[in-house]
């Protein structure tokens, strides 16, 4: 169990670091997906450890994966529209849309 939690923790903090450091919205989305995948691993590991015969953690994991897929599709559609308007997806330049 410890090995899975270590991998999950590394994935989560790599996602946090990528989300804070990156300047393009697409790279931030990838970092967010990395954090969500770390959470899914935790769901599965804790389900297997606490309730070996249960499948609740797996169902939560499937639900989280479905939500992440829908979120990614909507985010990419928003990125495409932003790119059409201002020809960049840098976070710093999106504030130009307010004007």
PDB file of N, CA and C in Angstrom:
ATOM      1  N   UNK A   1       0.821  -1.192   0.000  1.00  0.00           N
ATOM      2  CA  UNK A   1       0.000   0.000   0.000  1.00  0.00           C
ATOM      3  C   UNK A   1       0.865   1.255   0.000  1.00  0.00           C
ATOM      4  N   UNK A   2       1.962   1.229   0.720  1.00  0.00           N
ATOM      5  CA  UNK A   2       2.794   2.425   0.833  1.00  0.00           C
ATOM      6  C   UNK A   2       3.363   2.847  -0.512  1.00  0.00           C
ATOM      7  N   UNK A   3       3.709   1.872  -1.344  1.00  0.00           N
ATOM      8  CA  UNK A   3       4.285   2.202  -2.647  1.00  0.00           C
ATOM      9  C   UNK A   3       3.282   2.947  -3.529  1.00  0.00           C
ATOM     10  N   UNK A   4       2.033   2.503  -3.495  1.00  0.00           N
ATOM     11  CA  UNK A   4       1.011   3.177  -4.290  1.00  0.00           C
ATOM     12  C   UNK A   4       0.760   4.593  -3.780  1.00  0.00           C
ATOM     13  N   UNK A   5       0.774   4.759  -2.466  1.00  0.00           N
ATOM     14  CA  UNK A   5       0.553   6.091  -1.902  1.00  0.00           C
ATOM     15  C   UNK A   5       1.728   7.020  -2.193  1.00  0.00           C
ATOM     16  N   UNK A   6       2.929   6.492  -2.219  1.00  0.00           N
ATOM     17  CA  UNK A   6       4.093   7.313  -2.571  1.00  0.00           C
ATOM     18  C   UNK A   6       3.998   7.769  -4.017  1.00  0.00           C
ATOM     19  N   UNK A   7       3.651   6.840  -4.915  1.00  0.00           N
ATOM     20  CA  UNK A   7       3.492   7.199  -6.336  1.00  0.00           C
ATOM     21  C   UNK A   7       2.377   8.217  -6.497  1.00  0.00           C
ATOM     22  N   UNK A   8       1.278   8.010  -5.786  1.00  0.00           N
ATOM     23  CA  UNK A   8       0.156   8.943  -5.867  1.00  0.00           C
ATOM     24  C   UNK A   8       0.540  10.326  -5.341  1.00  0.00           C
ATOM     25  N   UNK A   9       1.286  10.362  -4.235  1.00  0.00           N
ATOM     26  CA  UNK A   9       1.727  11.649  -3.689  1.00  0.00           C
ATOM     27  C   UNK A   9       2.661  12.382  -4.626  1.00  0.00           C
ATOM     28  N   UNK A  10       3.568  11.645  -5.252  1.00  0.00           N
ATOM     29  CA  UNK A  10       4.484  12.268  -6.223  1.00  0.00           C
ATOM     30  C   UNK A  10       3.702  12.816  -7.407  1.00  0.00           C
ATOM     31  N   UNK A  11       2.728  12.029  -7.895  1.00  0.00           N
ATOM     32  CA  UNK A  11       1.910  12.500  -9.016  1.00  0.00           C
ATOM     33  C   UNK A  11       1.130  13.753  -8.641  1.00  0.00           C
ATOM     34  N   UNK A  12       0.552  13.754  -7.441  1.00  0.00           N
ATOM     35  CA  UNK A  12      -0.252  14.899  -7.027  1.00  0.00           C
ATOM     36  C   UNK A  12       0.593  16.158  -6.908  1.00  0.00           C
ATOM     37  N   UNK A  13       1.745  16.053  -6.256  1.00  0.00           N
ATOM     38  CA  UNK A  13       2.573  17.250  -6.080  1.00  0.00           C
ATOM     39  C   UNK A  13       3.236  17.691  -7.379  1.00  0.00           C
ATOM     40  N   UNK A  14       3.486  16.750  -8.289  1.00  0.00           N
ATOM     41  CA  UNK A  14       3.958  17.148  -9.623  1.00  0.00           C
ATOM     42  C   UNK A  14       2.867  17.919 -10.357  1.00  0.00           C
ATOM     43  N   UNK A  15       1.612  17.512 -10.176  1.00  0.00           N
ATOM     44  CA  UNK A  15       0.495  18.241 -10.771  1.00  0.00           C
ATOM     45  C   UNK A  15       0.328  19.625 -10.183  1.00  0.00           C
ATOM     46  N   UNK A  16       0.467  19.732  -8.866  1.00  0.00           N
ATOM     47  CA  UNK A  16       0.374  21.044  -8.206  1.00  0.00           C
ATOM     48  C   UNK A  16       1.484  21.962  -8.697  1.00  0.00           C
ATOM     49  N   UNK A  17       2.694  21.429  -8.760  1.00  0.00           N
ATOM     50  CA  UNK A  17       3.825  22.227  -9.239  1.00  0.00           C
ATOM     51  C   UNK A  17       3.603  22.674 -10.686  1.00  0.00           C
ATOM     52  N   UNK A  18       3.156  21.749 -11.539  1.00  0.00           N
ATOM     53  CA  UNK A  18       2.898  22.100 -12.934  1.00  0.00           C
ATOM     54  C   UNK A  18       1.793  23.123 -13.074  1.00  0.00           C
ATOM     55  N   UNK A  19       0.768  23.030 -12.223  1.00  0.00           N
ATOM     56  CA  UNK A  19      -0.339  23.982 -12.294  1.00  0.00           C
ATOM     57  C   UNK A  19       0.112  25.379 -11.902  1.00  0.00           C
ATOM     58  N   UNK A  20       0.998  25.463 -10.919  1.00  0.00           N
ATOM     59  CA  UNK A  20       1.469  26.768 -10.450  1.00  0.00           C
ATOM     60  C   UNK A  20       2.476  27.377 -11.419  1.00  0.00           C
ATOM     61  N   UNK A  21       3.353  26.565 -11.991  1.00  0.00           N
ATOM     62  CA  UNK A  21       4.473  27.068 -12.788  1.00  0.00           C
ATOM     63  C   UNK A  21       4.083  27.337 -14.241  1.00  0.00           C
ATOM     64  N   UNK A  22       3.257  26.522 -14.833  1.00  0.00           N
ATOM     65  CA  UNK A  22       2.958  26.640 -16.271  1.00  0.00           C
ATOM     66  C   UNK A  22       2.186  27.904 -16.586  1.00  0.00           C
ATOM     67  N   UNK A  23       2.379  28.392 -17.818  1.00  0.00           N
ATOM     68  CA  UNK A  23       1.732  29.635 -18.226  1.00  0.00           C
ATOM     69  C   UNK A  23       0.635  29.434 -19.263  1.00  0.00           C
ATOM     70  N   UNK A  24       0.611  28.289 -19.920  1.00  0.00           N
ATOM     71  CA  UNK A  24      -0.454  28.046 -20.893  1.00  0.00           C
ATOM     72  C   UNK A  24      -1.570  27.251 -20.231  1.00  0.00           C
ATOM     73  N   UNK A  25      -2.771  27.516 -20.665  1.00  0.00           N
ATOM     74  CA  UNK A  25      -3.918  26.852 -20.069  1.00  0.00           C
ATOM     75  C   UNK A  25      -3.926  25.355 -20.356  1.00  0.00           C
ATOM     76  N   UNK A  26      -3.405  24.934 -21.491  1.00  0.00           N
ATOM     77  CA  UNK A  26      -3.367  23.514 -21.815  1.00  0.00           C
ATOM     78  C   UNK A  26      -2.432  22.755 -20.865  1.00  0.00           C
ATOM     79  N   UNK A  27      -1.287  23.321 -20.570  1.00  0.00           N
ATOM     80  CA  UNK A  27      -0.369  22.690 -19.620  1.00  0.00           C
ATOM     81  C   UNK A  27      -0.971  22.665 -18.218  1.00  0.00           C
ATOM     82  N   UNK A  28      -1.728  23.694 -17.868  1.00  0.00           N
ATOM     83  CA  UNK A  28      -2.407  23.706 -16.581  1.00  0.00           C
ATOM     84  C   UNK A  28      -3.479  22.626 -16.520  1.00  0.00           C
ATOM     85  N   UNK A  29      -4.166  22.405 -17.623  1.00  0.00           N
ATOM     86  CA  UNK A  29      -5.178  21.350 -17.683  1.00  0.00           C
ATOM     87  C   UNK A  29      -4.537  19.972 -17.538  1.00  0.00           C
ATOM     88  N   UNK A  30      -3.407  19.763 -18.166  1.00  0.00           N
ATOM     89  CA  UNK A  30      -2.695  18.491 -18.040  1.00  0.00           C
ATOM     90  C   UNK A  30      -2.261  18.275 -16.594  1.00  0.00           C
ATOM     91  N   UNK A  31      -1.806  19.317 -15.928  1.00  0.00           N
ATOM     92  CA  UNK A  31      -1.419  19.208 -14.528  1.00  0.00           C
ATOM     93  C   UNK A  31      -2.631  18.891 -13.652  1.00  0.00           C
ATOM     94  N   UNK A  32      -3.755  19.482 -13.961  1.00  0.00           N
ATOM     95  CA  UNK A  32      -4.974  19.193 -13.218  1.00  0.00           C
ATOM     96  C   UNK A  32      -5.400  17.744 -13.403  1.00  0.00           C
ATOM     97  N   UNK A  33      -5.271  17.230 -14.613  1.00  0.00           N
ATOM     98  CA  UNK A  33      -5.590  15.827 -14.867  1.00  0.00           C
ATOM     99  C   UNK A  33      -4.636  14.905 -14.113  1.00  0.00           C
ATOM    100  N   UNK A  34      -3.388  15.300 -13.978  1.00  0.00           N
ATOM    101  CA  UNK A  34      -2.431  14.506 -13.205  1.00  0.00           C
ATOM    102  C   UNK A  34      -2.846  14.443 -11.740  1.00  0.00           C
ATOM    103  N   UNK A  35      -3.323  15.567 -11.209  1.00  0.00           N
ATOM    104  CA  UNK A  35      -3.808  15.563  -9.828  1.00  0.00           C
ATOM    105  C   UNK A  35      -5.037  14.681  -9.674  1.00  0.00           C
ATOM    106  N   UNK A  36      -5.945  14.730 -10.631  1.00  0.00           N
ATOM    107  CA  UNK A  36      -7.138  13.889 -10.561  1.00  0.00           C
ATOM    108  C   UNK A  36      -6.786  12.411 -10.642  1.00  0.00           C
ATOM    109  N   UNK A  37      -5.806  12.053 -11.453  1.00  0.00           N
ATOM    110  CA  UNK A  37      -5.384  10.660 -11.535  1.00  0.00           C
ATOM    111  C   UNK A  37      -4.760  10.193 -10.224  1.00  0.00           C
ATOM    112  N   UNK A  38      -4.063  11.061  -9.538  1.00  0.00           N
ATOM    113  CA  UNK A  38      -3.512  10.705  -8.228  1.00  0.00           C
ATOM    114  C   UNK A  38      -4.639  10.433  -7.231  1.00  0.00           C
ATOM    115  N   UNK A  39      -5.691  11.212  -7.301  1.00  0.00           N
ATOM    116  CA  UNK A  39      -6.839  10.999  -6.418  1.00  0.00           C
ATOM    117  C   UNK A  39      -7.517   9.671  -6.739  1.00  0.00           C
ATOM    118  N   UNK A  40      -7.622   9.343  -8.017  1.00  0.00           N
ATOM    119  CA  UNK A  40      -8.229   8.069  -8.413  1.00  0.00           C
ATOM    120  C   UNK A  40      -7.415   6.897  -7.883  1.00  0.00           C
ATOM    121  N   UNK A  41      -6.101   6.999  -7.926  1.00  0.00           N
ATOM    122  CA  UNK A  41      -5.256   5.942  -7.369  1.00  0.00           C
ATOM    123  C   UNK A  41      -5.511   5.806  -5.871  1.00  0.00           C
ATOM    124  N   UNK A  42      -5.660   6.927  -5.180  1.00  0.00           N
ATOM    125  CA  UNK A  42      -5.955   6.871  -3.746  1.00  0.00           C
ATOM    126  C   UNK A  42      -7.296   6.213  -3.470  1.00  0.00           C
ATOM    127  N   UNK A  43      -8.314   6.523  -4.275  1.00  0.00           N
ATOM    128  CA  UNK A  43      -9.611   5.859  -4.118  1.00  0.00           C
ATOM    129  C   UNK A  43      -9.455   4.345  -4.184  1.00  0.00           C
ATOM    130  N   UNK A  44      -8.744   3.881  -5.186  1.00  0.00           N
ATOM    131  CA  UNK A  44      -8.592   2.435  -5.385  1.00  0.00           C
ATOM    132  C   UNK A  44      -7.762   1.794  -4.279  1.00  0.00           C
ATOM    133  N   UNK A  45      -6.694   2.440  -3.861  1.00  0.00           N
ATOM    134  CA  UNK A  45      -5.817   1.876  -2.832  1.00  0.00           C
ATOM    135  C   UNK A  45      -6.537   1.796  -1.492  1.00  0.00           C
ATOM    136  N   UNK A  46      -7.195   2.875  -1.099  1.00  0.00           N
ATOM    137  CA  UNK A  46      -7.877   2.854   0.190  1.00  0.00           C
ATOM    138  C   UNK A  46      -9.068   1.911   0.185  1.00  0.00           C
ATOM    139  N   UNK A  47      -9.750   1.772  -0.954  1.00  0.00           N
ATOM    140  CA  UNK A  47     -10.836   0.805  -1.037  1.00  0.00           C
ATOM    141  C   UNK A  47     -10.300  -0.602  -0.843  1.00  0.00           C
ATOM    142  N   UNK A  48      -9.196  -0.926  -1.490  1.00  0.00           N
ATOM    143  CA  UNK A  48      -8.625  -2.273  -1.380  1.00  0.00           C
ATOM    144  C   UNK A  48      -8.116  -2.527   0.039  1.00  0.00           C
ATOM    145  N   UNK A  49      -7.609  -1.493   0.713  1.00  0.00           N
ATOM    146  CA  UNK A  49      -7.062  -1.669   2.055  1.00  0.00           C
ATOM    147  C   UNK A  49      -8.167  -1.755   3.110  1.00  0.00           C
ATOM    148  N   UNK A  50      -9.152  -0.848   3.033  1.00  0.00           N
ATOM    149  CA  UNK A  50     -10.185  -0.795   4.072  1.00  0.00           C
ATOM    150  C   UNK A  50     -11.306  -1.807   3.858  1.00  0.00           C
ATOM    151  N   UNK A  51     -11.721  -1.978   2.612  1.00  0.00           N
ATOM    152  CA  UNK A  51     -12.829  -2.886   2.296  1.00  0.00           C
ATOM    153  C   UNK A  51     -12.401  -3.810   1.161  1.00  0.00           C
ATOM    154  N   UNK A  52     -11.684  -4.879   1.451  1.00  0.00           N
ATOM    155  CA  UNK A  52     -11.137  -5.734   0.384  1.00  0.00           C
ATOM    156  C   UNK A  52     -12.192  -6.371  -0.511  1.00  0.00           C
ATOM    157  N   UNK A  53     -13.388  -6.601   0.033  1.00  0.00           N
ATOM    158  CA  UNK A  53     -14.431  -7.237  -0.768  1.00  0.00           C
ATOM    159  C   UNK A  53     -15.345  -6.229  -1.455  1.00  0.00           C
ATOM    160  N   UNK A  54     -15.251  -4.963  -1.096  1.00  0.00           N
ATOM    161  CA  UNK A  54     -16.137  -3.940  -1.650  1.00  0.00           C
ATOM    162  C   UNK A  54     -15.593  -3.333  -2.931  1.00  0.00           C
ATOM    163  N   UNK A  55     -16.490  -2.691  -3.651  1.00  0.00           N
ATOM    164  CA  UNK A  55     -16.119  -2.056  -4.912  1.00  0.00           C
ATOM    165  C   UNK A  55     -16.420  -0.554  -4.916  1.00  0.00           C
ATOM    166  N   UNK A  56     -16.683   0.018  -3.746  1.00  0.00           N
ATOM    167  CA  UNK A  56     -17.070   1.430  -3.696  1.00  0.00           C
ATOM    168  C   UNK A  56     -15.979   2.349  -4.230  1.00  0.00           C
ATOM    169  N   UNK A  57     -14.736   2.079  -3.877  1.00  0.00           N
ATOM    170  CA  UNK A  57     -13.625   2.905  -4.355  1.00  0.00           C
ATOM    171  C   UNK A  57     -13.472   2.850  -5.858  1.00  0.00           C
ATOM    172  N   UNK A  58     -13.730   1.679  -6.426  1.00  0.00           N
ATOM    173  CA  UNK A  58     -13.647   1.539  -7.883  1.00  0.00           C
ATOM    174  C   UNK A  58     -14.751   2.342  -8.570  1.00  0.00           C
ATOM    175  N   UNK A  59     -15.950   2.341  -7.970  1.00  0.00           N
ATOM    176  CA  UNK A  59     -17.043   3.125  -8.550  1.00  0.00           C
ATOM    177  C   UNK A  59     -16.768   4.622  -8.445  1.00  0.00           C
ATOM    178  N   UNK A  60     -16.213   5.047  -7.315  1.00  0.00           N
ATOM    179  CA  UNK A  60     -15.814   6.452  -7.184  1.00  0.00           C
ATOM    180  C   UNK A  60     -14.736   6.800  -8.211  1.00  0.00           C
ATOM    181  N   UNK A  61     -13.839   5.869  -8.454  1.00  0.00           N
ATOM    182  CA  UNK A  61     -12.777   6.100  -9.438  1.00  0.00           C
ATOM    183  C   UNK A  61     -13.369   6.242 -10.841  1.00  0.00           C
ATOM    184  N   UNK A  62     -14.301   5.365 -11.189  1.00  0.00           N
ATOM    185  CA  UNK A  62     -14.951   5.478 -12.505  1.00  0.00           C
ATOM    186  C   UNK A  62     -15.715   6.784 -12.637  1.00  0.00           C
ATOM    187  N   UNK A  63     -16.387   7.188 -11.567  1.00  0.00           N
ATOM    188  CA  UNK A  63     -17.111   8.457 -11.589  1.00  0.00           C
ATOM    189  C   UNK A  63     -16.147   9.625 -11.756  1.00  0.00           C
ATOM    190  N   UNK A  64     -15.015   9.588 -11.069  1.00  0.00           N
ATOM    191  CA  UNK A  64     -14.017  10.659 -11.184  1.00  0.00           C
ATOM    192  C   UNK A  64     -13.425  10.699 -12.590  1.00  0.00           C
ATOM    193  N   UNK A  65     -13.200   9.534 -13.187  1.00  0.00           N
ATOM    194  CA  UNK A  65     -12.670   9.499 -14.548  1.00  0.00           C
ATOM    195  C   UNK A  65     -13.678  10.080 -15.534  1.00  0.00           C
ATOM    196  N   UNK A  66     -14.962   9.771 -15.345  1.00  0.00           N
ATOM    197  CA  UNK A  66     -16.000  10.321 -16.223  1.00  0.00           C
ATOM    198  C   UNK A  66     -16.102  11.836 -16.084  1.00  0.00           C
ATOM    199  N   UNK A  67     -16.033  12.326 -14.858  1.00  0.00           N
ATOM    200  CA  UNK A  67     -16.068  13.774 -14.631  1.00  0.00           C
ATOM    201  C   UNK A  67     -14.844  14.440 -15.255  1.00  0.00           C
ATOM    202  N   UNK A  68     -13.675  13.818 -15.133  1.00  0.00           N
ATOM    203  CA  UNK A  68     -12.456  14.381 -15.709  1.00  0.00           C
ATOM    204  C   UNK A  68     -12.541  14.429 -17.230  1.00  0.00           C
ATOM    205  N   UNK A  69     -13.125  13.404 -17.845  1.00  0.00           N
ATOM    206  CA  UNK A  69     -13.267  13.404 -19.304  1.00  0.00           C
ATOM    207  C   UNK A  69     -14.197  14.524 -19.758  1.00  0.00           C
ATOM    208  N   UNK A  70     -15.309  14.703 -19.053  1.00  0.00           N
ATOM    209  CA  UNK A  70     -16.236  15.782 -19.410  1.00  0.00           C
ATOM    210  C   UNK A  70     -15.592  17.146 -19.192  1.00  0.00           C
ATOM    211  N   UNK A  71     -14.868  17.285 -18.105  1.00  0.00           N
ATOM    212  CA  UNK A  71     -14.181  18.549 -17.821  1.00  0.00           C
ATOM    213  C   UNK A  71     -13.144  18.869 -18.891  1.00  0.00           C
ATOM    214  N   UNK A  72     -12.421  17.863 -19.342  1.00  0.00           N
ATOM    215  CA  UNK A  72     -11.403  18.064 -20.369  1.00  0.00           C
ATOM    216  C   UNK A  72     -12.036  18.487 -21.685  1.00  0.00           C
ATOM    217  N   UNK A  73     -13.133  17.858 -22.050  1.00  0.00           N
ATOM    218  CA  UNK A  73     -13.809  18.220 -23.302  1.00  0.00           C
ATOM    219  C   UNK A  73     -14.307  19.664 -23.267  1.00  0.00           C
ATOM    220  N   UNK A  74     -14.885  20.065 -22.162  1.00  0.00           N
ATOM    221  CA  UNK A  74     -15.385  21.442 -22.042  1.00  0.00           C
ATOM    222  C   UNK A  74     -14.226  22.428 -22.024  1.00  0.00           C
ATOM    223  N   UNK A  75     -13.157  22.093 -21.302  1.00  0.00           N
ATOM    224  CA  UNK A  75     -12.006  22.994 -21.220  1.00  0.00           C
ATOM    225  C   UNK A  75     -11.344  23.175 -22.580  1.00  0.00           C
ATOM    226  N   UNK A  76     -11.213  22.111 -23.347  1.00  0.00           N
ATOM    227  CA  UNK A  76     -10.596  22.239 -24.670  1.00  0.00           C
ATOM    228  C   UNK A  76     -11.480  23.071 -25.597  1.00  0.00           C
ATOM    229  N   UNK A  77     -12.793  22.934 -25.478  1.00  0.00           N
ATOM    230  CA  UNK A  77     -13.683  23.779 -26.270  1.00  0.00           C
ATOM    231  C   UNK A  77     -13.520  25.253 -25.898  1.00  0.00           C
ATOM    232  N   UNK A  78     -13.365  25.528 -24.618  1.00  0.00           N
ATOM    233  CA  UNK A  78     -13.136  26.912 -24.177  1.00  0.00           C
ATOM    234  C   UNK A  78     -11.796  27.413 -24.692  1.00  0.00           C
ATOM    235  N   UNK A  79     -10.754  26.568 -24.637  1.00  0.00           N
ATOM    236  CA  UNK A  79      -9.434  26.964 -25.132  1.00  0.00           C
ATOM    237  C   UNK A  79      -9.485  27.290 -26.617  1.00  0.00           C
ATOM    238  N   UNK A  80     -10.218  26.511 -27.383  1.00  0.00           N
ATOM    239  CA  UNK A  80     -10.333  26.767 -28.831  1.00  0.00           C
ATOM    240  C   UNK A  80     -10.996  28.116 -29.074  1.00  0.00           C
ATOM    241  N   UNK A  81     -12.054  28.424 -28.330  1.00  0.00           N
ATOM    242  CA  UNK A  81     -12.721  29.719 -28.501  1.00  0.00           C
ATOM    243  C   UNK A  81     -11.822  30.878 -28.072  1.00  0.00           C
ATOM    244  N   UNK A  82     -11.072  30.711 -27.007  1.00  0.00           N
ATOM    245  CA  UNK A  82     -10.137  31.767 -26.579  1.00  0.00           C
ATOM    246  C   UNK A  82      -9.061  31.963 -27.635  1.00  0.00           C
ATOM    247  N   UNK A  83      -8.564  30.864 -28.189  1.00  0.00           N
ATOM    248  CA  UNK A  83      -7.521  30.979 -29.217  1.00  0.00           C
ATOM    249  C   UNK A  83      -8.057  31.679 -30.461  1.00  0.00           C
ATOM    250  N   UNK A  84      -9.303  31.446 -30.809  1.00  0.00           N
ATOM    251  CA  UNK A  84      -9.905  32.139 -31.962  1.00  0.00           C
ATOM    252  C   UNK A  84     -10.011  33.642 -31.722  1.00  0.00           C
ATOM    253  N   UNK A  85     -10.274  34.023 -30.463  1.00  0.00           N
ATOM    254  CA  UNK A  85     -10.462  35.442 -30.172  1.00  0.00           C
ATOM    255  C   UNK A  85      -9.154  36.205 -30.034  1.00  0.00           C
ATOM    256  N   UNK A  86      -8.183  35.661 -29.291  1.00  0.00           N
ATOM    257  CA  UNK A  86      -6.969  36.432 -29.010  1.00  0.00           C
ATOM    258  C   UNK A  86      -5.703  35.761 -29.525  1.00  0.00           C
ATOM    259  N   UNK A  87      -5.818  34.638 -30.211  1.00  0.00           N
ATOM    260  CA  UNK A  87      -4.699  33.953 -30.875  1.00  0.00           C
ATOM    261  C   UNK A  87      -3.606  33.490 -29.934  1.00  0.00           C
ATOM    262  N   UNK A  88      -3.952  33.224 -28.677  1.00  0.00           N
ATOM    263  CA  UNK A  88      -3.014  32.639 -27.720  1.00  0.00           C
ATOM    264  C   UNK A  88      -3.816  32.014 -26.591  1.00  0.00           C
ATOM    265  N   UNK A  89      -3.194  31.061 -25.893  1.00  0.00           N
ATOM    266  CA  UNK A  89      -3.853  30.496 -24.717  1.00  0.00           C
ATOM    267  C   UNK A  89      -2.996  30.692 -23.475  1.00  0.00           C
ATOM    268  N   UNK A  90      -2.132  31.691 -23.495  1.00  0.00           N
ATOM    269  CA  UNK A  90      -1.364  32.039 -22.304  1.00  0.00           C
ATOM    270  C   UNK A  90      -2.288  32.658 -21.274  1.00  0.00           C
ATOM    271  N   UNK A  91      -2.097  32.285 -20.032  1.00  0.00           N
ATOM    272  CA  UNK A  91      -2.963  32.765 -18.958  1.00  0.00           C
ATOM    273  C   UNK A  91      -2.831  34.272 -18.787  1.00  0.00           C
ATOM    274  N   UNK A  92      -1.642  34.787 -18.957  1.00  0.00           N
ATOM    275  CA  UNK A  92      -1.415  36.222 -18.764  1.00  0.00           C
ATOM    276  C   UNK A  92      -2.149  37.060 -19.809  1.00  0.00           C
ATOM    277  N   UNK A  93      -2.318  36.530 -21.006  1.00  0.00           N
ATOM    278  CA  UNK A  93      -2.951  37.291 -22.063  1.00  0.00           C
ATOM    279  C   UNK A  93      -4.474  37.165 -22.082  1.00  0.00           C
ATOM    280  N   UNK A  94      -5.021  36.267 -21.296  1.00  0.00           N
ATOM    281  CA  UNK A  94      -6.479  36.107 -21.275  1.00  0.00           C
ATOM    282  C   UNK A  94      -7.143  37.309 -20.628  1.00  0.00           C
ATOM    283  N   UNK A  95      -6.443  38.027 -19.783  1.00  0.00           N
ATOM    284  CA  UNK A  95      -7.037  39.224 -19.164  1.00  0.00           C
ATOM    285  C   UNK A  95      -7.364  40.285 -20.212  1.00  0.00           C
ATOM    286  N   UNK A  96      -6.808  40.174 -21.419  1.00  0.00           N
ATOM    287  CA  UNK A  96      -7.141  41.109 -22.496  1.00  0.00           C
ATOM    288  C   UNK A  96      -8.594  40.974 -22.915  1.00  0.00           C
ATOM    289  N   UNK A  97      -9.216  39.838 -22.639  1.00  0.00           N
ATOM    290  CA  UNK A  97     -10.597  39.617 -23.042  1.00  0.00           C
ATOM    291  C   UNK A  97     -11.560  40.494 -22.254  1.00  0.00           C
ATOM    292  N   UNK A  98     -11.142  41.007 -21.106  1.00  0.00           N
ATOM    293  CA  UNK A  98     -12.012  41.871 -20.299  1.00  0.00           C
ATOM    294  C   UNK A  98     -12.294  43.178 -21.021  1.00  0.00           C
ATOM    295  N   UNK A  99     -11.367  43.633 -21.844  1.00  0.00           N
ATOM    296  CA  UNK A  99     -11.524  44.941 -22.504  1.00  0.00           C
ATOM    297  C   UNK A  99     -12.413  44.865 -23.705  1.00  0.00           C
TER     298      UNK A  99
END
